[in-house]
Amino acid sequence: MIENQDIRPAQVIGPLGEPLTIADLPSPQTKRWVVRRKAEVVAAVNGGLLTIDEVLERYGLTLEEFASWQRAVDRSGMQGLRVTRIQHYRDLYERQLKY
């Protein structure tokens, strides 16, 4: 019967190393997505606090948008989430793949 239970952690490690709970996540009404908020949502999914489907519904995001946040964090850390630096980090990543 345990297989059917949805077991989730009460908290995960946030992007800055702090404990992160569902109560600490950005508000579902968030309109302005700064780097820290994006990173918190990615950390919540990576840690199992929320599923991708829950994030998409809760925040009204598209799968492509959220996946781009995850890729940016995986490749460049929180700095990769900066809108003004997206092209720089994308070019850097592509150069690393060549060599």
N, C-alpha and C. Protein backbone atom coordinates (compact mmCIF):
# COMPACT_ATOMS: atom_id res chain seq x y z
N MET A 1 0.81 -1.21 0.00
CA MET A 1 0.00 0.00 0.00
C MET A 1 0.85 1.27 0.00
N ILE A 2 2.07 1.18 0.43
CA ILE A 2 2.91 2.37 0.49
C ILE A 2 3.15 2.95 -0.90
N GLU A 3 3.15 2.10 -1.93
CA GLU A 3 3.40 2.59 -3.29
C GLU A 3 2.40 3.65 -3.71
N ASN A 4 1.18 3.60 -3.20
CA ASN A 4 0.13 4.52 -3.60
C ASN A 4 0.15 5.83 -2.82
N GLN A 5 0.96 5.92 -1.80
CA GLN A 5 1.00 7.13 -0.99
C GLN A 5 1.93 8.16 -1.62
N ASP A 6 1.53 9.40 -1.51
CA ASP A 6 2.32 10.50 -2.03
C ASP A 6 3.19 11.03 -0.89
N ILE A 7 4.43 10.59 -0.84
CA ILE A 7 5.33 11.00 0.24
C ILE A 7 6.22 12.12 -0.27
N ARG A 8 6.18 13.24 0.43
CA ARG A 8 6.96 14.40 0.04
C ARG A 8 7.72 14.94 1.24
N PRO A 9 8.83 15.57 0.99
CA PRO A 9 9.56 16.18 2.10
C PRO A 9 8.81 17.42 2.61
N ALA A 10 8.96 17.71 3.88
CA ALA A 10 8.35 18.91 4.45
C ALA A 10 9.13 20.15 4.03
N GLN A 11 10.42 19.97 3.78
CA GLN A 11 11.25 21.08 3.33
C GLN A 11 12.38 20.55 2.48
N VAL A 12 12.92 21.42 1.64
CA VAL A 12 14.07 21.10 0.81
C VAL A 12 15.10 22.21 0.98
N ILE A 13 16.26 22.01 0.42
CA ILE A 13 17.29 23.05 0.48
C ILE A 13 17.04 24.04 -0.66
N GLY A 14 16.94 25.31 -0.30
CA GLY A 14 16.68 26.35 -1.28
C GLY A 14 17.93 26.72 -2.06
N PRO A 15 17.81 27.63 -3.00
CA PRO A 15 18.94 27.99 -3.86
C PRO A 15 20.10 28.67 -3.13
N LEU A 16 19.82 29.23 -1.99
CA LEU A 16 20.88 29.89 -1.21
C LEU A 16 21.31 29.06 -0.01
N GLY A 17 20.87 27.79 0.03
CA GLY A 17 21.26 26.88 1.10
C GLY A 17 20.35 26.90 2.31
N GLU A 18 19.29 27.67 2.26
CA GLU A 18 18.35 27.79 3.38
C GLU A 18 17.23 26.76 3.23
N PRO A 19 16.58 26.37 4.35
CA PRO A 19 15.43 25.47 4.25
C PRO A 19 14.29 26.16 3.49
N LEU A 20 13.62 25.41 2.63
CA LEU A 20 12.55 25.95 1.80
C LEU A 20 11.32 25.08 1.96
N THR A 21 10.20 25.67 2.40
CA THR A 21 8.94 24.95 2.54
C THR A 21 7.95 25.52 1.54
N ILE A 22 6.80 24.87 1.43
CA ILE A 22 5.76 25.38 0.51
C ILE A 22 5.35 26.80 0.90
N ALA A 23 5.32 27.08 2.20
CA ALA A 23 4.94 28.42 2.67
C ALA A 23 5.96 29.48 2.24
N ASP A 24 7.21 29.07 2.02
CA ASP A 24 8.27 30.01 1.63
C ASP A 24 8.30 30.30 0.13
N LEU A 25 7.57 29.51 -0.65
CA LEU A 25 7.59 29.69 -2.10
C LEU A 25 6.91 31.00 -2.50
N PRO A 26 7.23 31.50 -3.69
CA PRO A 26 6.57 32.73 -4.16
C PRO A 26 5.06 32.55 -4.23
N SER A 27 4.35 33.65 -4.08
CA SER A 27 2.90 33.64 -4.14
C SER A 27 2.42 33.17 -5.52
N PRO A 28 1.30 32.44 -5.57
CA PRO A 28 0.75 32.04 -6.87
C PRO A 28 0.37 33.23 -7.76
N GLN A 29 0.20 34.40 -7.17
CA GLN A 29 -0.14 35.59 -7.95
C GLN A 29 1.10 36.34 -8.45
N THR A 30 2.27 35.77 -8.31
CA THR A 30 3.51 36.43 -8.71
C THR A 30 3.48 36.79 -10.19
N LYS A 31 3.77 38.03 -10.48
CA LYS A 31 3.82 38.51 -11.87
C LYS A 31 5.26 38.86 -12.27
N ARG A 32 6.06 39.28 -11.30
CA ARG A 32 7.44 39.68 -11.58
C ARG A 32 8.37 38.60 -11.08
N TRP A 33 9.00 37.90 -12.00
CA TRP A 33 9.84 36.76 -11.66
C TRP A 33 11.31 37.17 -11.61
N VAL A 34 11.79 37.46 -10.40
CA VAL A 34 13.21 37.77 -10.21
C VAL A 34 13.97 36.46 -10.09
N VAL A 35 15.28 36.53 -10.19
CA VAL A 35 16.14 35.34 -10.18
C VAL A 35 15.88 34.46 -8.96
N ARG A 36 15.81 35.05 -7.78
CA ARG A 36 15.63 34.27 -6.55
C ARG A 36 14.33 33.48 -6.57
N ARG A 37 13.25 34.10 -7.02
CA ARG A 37 11.95 33.40 -7.06
C ARG A 37 11.98 32.23 -8.04
N LYS A 38 12.55 32.46 -9.21
CA LYS A 38 12.67 31.37 -10.18
C LYS A 38 13.48 30.21 -9.59
N ALA A 39 14.60 30.54 -8.95
CA ALA A 39 15.47 29.52 -8.38
C ALA A 39 14.77 28.76 -7.26
N GLU A 40 13.94 29.43 -6.48
CA GLU A 40 13.20 28.76 -5.41
C GLU A 40 12.23 27.74 -5.99
N VAL A 41 11.54 28.10 -7.05
CA VAL A 41 10.58 27.18 -7.67
C VAL A 41 11.31 25.98 -8.27
N VAL A 42 12.43 26.22 -8.92
CA VAL A 42 13.22 25.11 -9.48
C VAL A 42 13.71 24.20 -8.37
N ALA A 43 14.19 24.77 -7.26
CA ALA A 43 14.67 23.97 -6.13
C ALA A 43 13.53 23.15 -5.53
N ALA A 44 12.33 23.72 -5.48
CA ALA A 44 11.18 22.99 -4.94
C ALA A 44 10.86 21.76 -5.78
N VAL A 45 10.93 21.90 -7.09
CA VAL A 45 10.67 20.75 -7.98
C VAL A 45 11.81 19.74 -7.88
N ASN A 46 13.04 20.21 -7.93
CA ASN A 46 14.19 19.30 -7.87
C ASN A 46 14.23 18.53 -6.55
N GLY A 47 13.75 19.15 -5.47
CA GLY A 47 13.76 18.49 -4.17
C GLY A 47 12.52 17.66 -3.89
N GLY A 48 11.52 17.73 -4.77
CA GLY A 48 10.31 16.93 -4.59
C GLY A 48 9.23 17.61 -3.78
N LEU A 49 9.39 18.89 -3.47
CA LEU A 49 8.38 19.62 -2.71
C LEU A 49 7.12 19.82 -3.55
N LEU A 50 7.28 20.08 -4.83
CA LEU A 50 6.18 20.22 -5.79
C LEU A 50 6.52 19.42 -7.05
N THR A 51 5.48 19.03 -7.78
CA THR A 51 5.71 18.39 -9.08
C THR A 51 5.71 19.47 -10.15
N ILE A 52 6.18 19.13 -11.32
CA ILE A 52 6.18 20.09 -12.42
C ILE A 52 4.74 20.50 -12.75
N ASP A 53 3.83 19.53 -12.77
CA ASP A 53 2.43 19.85 -13.07
C ASP A 53 1.85 20.83 -12.05
N GLU A 54 2.19 20.65 -10.79
CA GLU A 54 1.70 21.57 -9.75
C GLU A 54 2.25 22.97 -9.96
N VAL A 55 3.52 23.07 -10.33
CA VAL A 55 4.13 24.38 -10.57
C VAL A 55 3.47 25.07 -11.76
N LEU A 56 3.25 24.32 -12.84
CA LEU A 56 2.64 24.92 -14.03
C LEU A 56 1.25 25.44 -13.71
N GLU A 57 0.48 24.67 -12.95
CA GLU A 57 -0.87 25.10 -12.59
C GLU A 57 -0.85 26.25 -11.58
N ARG A 58 -0.02 26.12 -10.56
CA ARG A 58 0.03 27.12 -9.48
C ARG A 58 0.45 28.50 -10.00
N TYR A 59 1.45 28.52 -10.89
CA TYR A 59 2.00 29.80 -11.34
C TYR A 59 1.59 30.20 -12.76
N GLY A 60 0.84 29.36 -13.44
CA GLY A 60 0.40 29.68 -14.80
C GLY A 60 1.55 29.74 -15.80
N LEU A 61 2.55 28.89 -15.60
CA LEU A 61 3.71 28.84 -16.49
C LEU A 61 3.49 27.80 -17.58
N THR A 62 4.22 27.94 -18.66
CA THR A 62 4.23 26.89 -19.68
C THR A 62 5.36 25.92 -19.34
N LEU A 63 5.26 24.73 -19.87
CA LEU A 63 6.31 23.73 -19.64
C LEU A 63 7.64 24.23 -20.20
N GLU A 64 7.60 24.87 -21.34
CA GLU A 64 8.82 25.39 -21.97
C GLU A 64 9.49 26.44 -21.10
N GLU A 65 8.68 27.32 -20.51
CA GLU A 65 9.24 28.37 -19.66
C GLU A 65 9.91 27.77 -18.44
N PHE A 66 9.21 26.85 -17.76
CA PHE A 66 9.80 26.24 -16.57
C PHE A 66 11.04 25.41 -16.94
N ALA A 67 10.98 24.68 -18.04
CA ALA A 67 12.13 23.88 -18.46
C ALA A 67 13.33 24.77 -18.75
N SER A 68 13.10 25.96 -19.28
CA SER A 68 14.22 26.88 -19.54
C SER A 68 14.85 27.34 -18.22
N TRP A 69 14.04 27.51 -17.18
CA TRP A 69 14.58 27.86 -15.86
C TRP A 69 15.45 26.72 -15.34
N GLN A 70 14.96 25.49 -15.46
CA GLN A 70 15.73 24.34 -14.98
C GLN A 70 17.05 24.21 -15.74
N ARG A 71 17.01 24.37 -17.06
CA ARG A 71 18.23 24.29 -17.85
C ARG A 71 19.22 25.37 -17.44
N ALA A 72 18.72 26.58 -17.23
CA ALA A 72 19.59 27.69 -16.85
C ALA A 72 20.27 27.42 -15.51
N VAL A 73 19.53 26.90 -14.55
CA VAL A 73 20.11 26.58 -13.24
C VAL A 73 21.12 25.45 -13.37
N ASP A 74 20.79 24.43 -14.14
CA ASP A 74 21.71 23.30 -14.32
C ASP A 74 23.02 23.73 -14.98
N ARG A 75 22.92 24.60 -15.95
CA ARG A 75 24.10 25.01 -16.72
C ARG A 75 24.93 26.08 -16.04
N SER A 76 24.26 27.09 -15.47
CA SER A 76 24.99 28.28 -15.00
C SER A 76 24.64 28.70 -13.58
N GLY A 77 23.84 27.94 -12.88
CA GLY A 77 23.45 28.34 -11.53
C GLY A 77 22.44 29.48 -11.58
N MET A 78 22.28 30.15 -10.46
CA MET A 78 21.29 31.23 -10.39
C MET A 78 21.58 32.35 -11.39
N GLN A 79 22.84 32.60 -11.69
CA GLN A 79 23.19 33.67 -12.62
C GLN A 79 22.60 33.41 -14.01
N GLY A 80 22.43 32.15 -14.35
CA GLY A 80 21.86 31.81 -15.65
C GLY A 80 20.41 32.22 -15.81
N LEU A 81 19.74 32.52 -14.69
CA LEU A 81 18.34 32.93 -14.74
C LEU A 81 18.17 34.41 -15.03
N ARG A 82 19.25 35.15 -15.02
CA ARG A 82 19.15 36.59 -15.29
C ARG A 82 18.77 36.82 -16.74
N VAL A 83 17.69 37.53 -16.94
CA VAL A 83 17.19 37.79 -18.29
C VAL A 83 18.21 38.56 -19.11
N THR A 84 18.92 39.48 -18.48
CA THR A 84 19.88 40.31 -19.22
C THR A 84 21.12 39.53 -19.63
N ARG A 85 21.34 38.35 -19.06
CA ARG A 85 22.55 37.58 -19.34
C ARG A 85 22.27 36.25 -20.06
N ILE A 86 21.04 36.03 -20.47
CA ILE A 86 20.67 34.75 -21.08
C ILE A 86 21.55 34.43 -22.29
N GLN A 87 21.71 35.38 -23.20
CA GLN A 87 22.49 35.12 -24.41
C GLN A 87 23.94 34.84 -24.07
N HIS A 88 24.50 35.57 -23.12
CA HIS A 88 25.89 35.35 -22.71
C HIS A 88 26.09 33.92 -22.22
N TYR A 89 25.23 33.46 -21.32
CA TYR A 89 25.38 32.11 -20.77
C TYR A 89 25.06 31.04 -21.81
N ARG A 90 24.16 31.31 -22.73
CA ARG A 90 23.86 30.36 -23.80
C ARG A 90 25.08 30.19 -24.71
N ASP A 91 25.71 31.32 -25.08
CA ASP A 91 26.92 31.26 -25.91
C ASP A 91 28.05 30.52 -25.18
N LEU A 92 28.21 30.80 -23.90
CA LEU A 92 29.24 30.15 -23.10
C LEU A 92 29.03 28.64 -23.06
N TYR A 93 27.79 28.23 -22.87
CA TYR A 93 27.47 26.80 -22.82
C TYR A 93 27.74 26.13 -24.17
N GLU A 94 27.37 26.79 -25.26
CA GLU A 94 27.59 26.22 -26.59
C GLU A 94 29.08 26.10 -26.90
N ARG A 95 29.89 27.07 -26.45
CA ARG A 95 31.33 26.98 -26.64
C ARG A 95 31.92 25.81 -25.84
N GLN A 96 31.40 25.57 -24.64
CA GLN A 96 31.89 24.46 -23.83
C GLN A 96 31.57 23.13 -24.49
N LEU A 97 30.45 23.04 -25.16
CA LEU A 97 30.08 21.79 -25.84
C LEU A 97 31.02 21.48 -27.01
N LYS A 98 31.54 22.53 -27.65
CA LYS A 98 32.42 22.33 -28.80
C LYS A 98 33.76 21.74 -28.39
N TYR A 99 34.23 22.08 -27.20
CA TYR A 99 35.59 21.67 -26.79
C TYR A 99 35.57 20.62 -25.77
